[in-house]
Protein backbone atom coordinates (compact mmCIF):
# COMPACT_ATOMS: atom_id res chain seq x y z
CA GLU A 1 8.65 13.16 4.11
CA THR A 2 10.18 13.68 7.56
CA LEU A 3 10.34 9.93 8.16
CA LYS A 4 12.00 9.45 4.76
CA ARG A 5 14.68 11.97 5.69
CA LEU A 6 15.29 10.50 9.16
CA PHE A 7 15.18 6.76 8.46
CA ASN A 8 16.61 4.62 5.68
CA GLY A 9 14.09 2.18 4.29
CA VAL A 10 11.01 4.41 4.42
CA ARG A 11 9.33 4.29 1.00
CA GLY A 12 6.38 6.64 1.61
CA ARG A 13 2.58 6.64 1.85
CA LEU A 14 1.00 3.77 -0.07
CA LEU A 15 -1.30 6.06 -2.07
CA ASP A 16 1.66 8.25 -3.07
CA LEU A 17 3.54 5.17 -4.29
CA CYS A 18 0.70 4.13 -6.59
CA LYS A 19 -0.54 5.77 -9.76
CA ILE A 20 -4.13 5.23 -10.80
CA ARG A 21 -4.19 4.49 -14.53
CA GLN A 22 -7.45 6.29 -15.31
CA PRO A 23 -9.22 9.02 -13.29
CA LYS A 24 -12.51 7.10 -13.44
CA TYR A 25 -11.00 4.59 -10.98
CA ASN A 26 -10.02 7.18 -8.33
CA VAL A 27 -12.98 6.55 -6.03
CA ALA A 28 -12.83 2.77 -6.44
CA VAL A 29 -9.13 2.64 -5.56
CA THR A 30 -9.58 4.97 -2.59
CA VAL A 31 -12.42 2.83 -1.23
CA ALA A 32 -10.52 -0.42 -1.86
CA MET A 33 -7.41 0.80 -0.06
CA GLY A 34 -9.50 2.12 2.80
CA SER A 35 -7.46 2.90 5.87
CA HIS A 36 -4.31 1.53 4.23
CA MET A 37 -4.06 4.33 1.68
CA ASN A 38 -2.24 6.47 4.27
CA SER A 39 -0.13 3.59 5.60
CA ILE A 40 3.62 4.07 5.40
CA VAL A 41 5.49 1.44 3.39
CA VAL A 42 8.87 0.53 4.88
CA ASP A 43 11.49 -2.03 3.88
CA ASP A 44 11.52 -4.01 7.10
CA ARG A 45 10.11 -4.45 10.56
CA LYS A 46 13.15 -2.84 12.21
CA THR A 47 12.57 0.39 10.29
CA ALA A 48 8.89 0.31 11.24
CA MET A 49 9.79 -0.03 14.93
CA GLU A 50 12.23 2.91 14.74
CA CYS A 51 9.56 5.04 13.06
CA ILE A 52 6.97 4.06 15.67
CA LYS A 53 9.30 5.18 18.46
CA PHE A 54 9.77 8.52 16.72
CA ILE A 55 6.09 9.17 16.03
CA LYS A 56 5.15 8.32 19.60
CA MET A 57 7.44 11.12 20.76
CA GLU A 58 5.83 13.44 18.21
CA ARG A 59 2.32 12.27 19.23
CA MET A 60 1.42 11.18 15.71
CA ASN A 61 -0.39 8.06 14.60
CA PHE A 62 0.42 6.04 11.46
CA THR A 63 0.15 2.46 10.29
CA PHE A 64 3.27 0.85 8.85
CA LEU A 65 3.50 -1.89 6.22
CA PRO A 66 6.92 -3.58 6.56
CA LEU A 67 7.60 -5.39 3.29
CA ASP A 68 9.60 -8.15 4.98
CA PHE A 69 6.89 -8.93 7.53
CA ILE A 70 3.42 -8.58 5.99
CA LYS A 71 1.70 -11.72 4.78
CA VAL A 72 -0.42 -11.70 1.64
CA LYS A 73 -2.73 -14.25 0.09
CA PRO A 74 -2.32 -15.12 -3.59
CA ILE A 75 -4.49 -13.19 -6.02
CA ASP A 76 -7.52 -15.13 -7.31
CA GLN A 77 -6.79 -15.26 -11.04
CA THR A 78 -10.41 -16.13 -11.88
CA ALA A 79 -11.37 -12.57 -10.87
CA ARG A 80 -9.36 -11.31 -13.83
CA GLN A 81 -11.59 -13.28 -16.20
CA LEU A 82 -14.92 -11.75 -15.12
CA GLY A 83 -15.03 -9.57 -18.21
CA GLY A 84 -16.99 -6.45 -18.95
CA SER A 85 -16.22 -3.47 -16.77
CA LYS A 86 -15.17 -5.66 -13.84
CA LYS A 87 -11.47 -5.41 -13.03
CA LEU A 88 -9.28 -6.15 -10.08
CA VAL A 89 -8.26 -2.93 -8.33
CA LEU A 90 -4.73 -4.29 -8.53
CA ASP A 91 -4.99 -4.09 -12.34
CA VAL A 92 -6.04 -0.42 -12.49
CA ILE A 93 -3.09 0.98 -10.54
CA GLU A 94 0.59 1.20 -11.37
CA PHE A 95 3.28 0.68 -8.76
CA ASP A 96 6.88 -0.38 -8.44
CA ALA A 97 7.23 -4.16 -8.26
CA SER A 98 9.24 -3.81 -5.03
CA ILE A 99 6.12 -2.68 -3.11
CA GLU A 100 3.75 -5.28 -4.59
CA LYS A 101 3.27 -7.04 -1.23
CA ALA A 102 2.02 -3.82 0.36
CA VAL A 103 -0.39 -3.12 -2.50
CA VAL A 104 -1.74 -6.69 -2.51
CA PHE A 105 -2.11 -6.50 1.28
CA ALA A 106 -4.15 -3.30 0.97
CA VAL A 107 -6.45 -4.18 -1.95
CA GLY A 108 -6.29 -7.98 -2.17
CA ASN A 109 -8.87 -9.48 -4.52
CA THR A 110 -11.13 -6.42 -4.58
CA VAL A 111 -12.99 -6.07 -7.87
């Protein structure tokens, strides 16, 4: 919240920006996101660098996901056709389309 107040372009923690559609997927999504669930999503690399300078002074440690800089691989569409109870983690969470790159970076093709 402090970073959001101080810097334009800070979206928030990845987990806070996503809504899990059903509670039964909570553990699966948390495991799939791993260390990225607490990553801070920012609009661009410049904002990330400004935040990093600030948190170094405050002796904090965060990972940043700049939407203009992260590279993601395309989602394997065949994973969506597995059927049964198998689903892509990407399909059991809701998020704003503007942060899709960060979500895909974090969970990828995890089933």
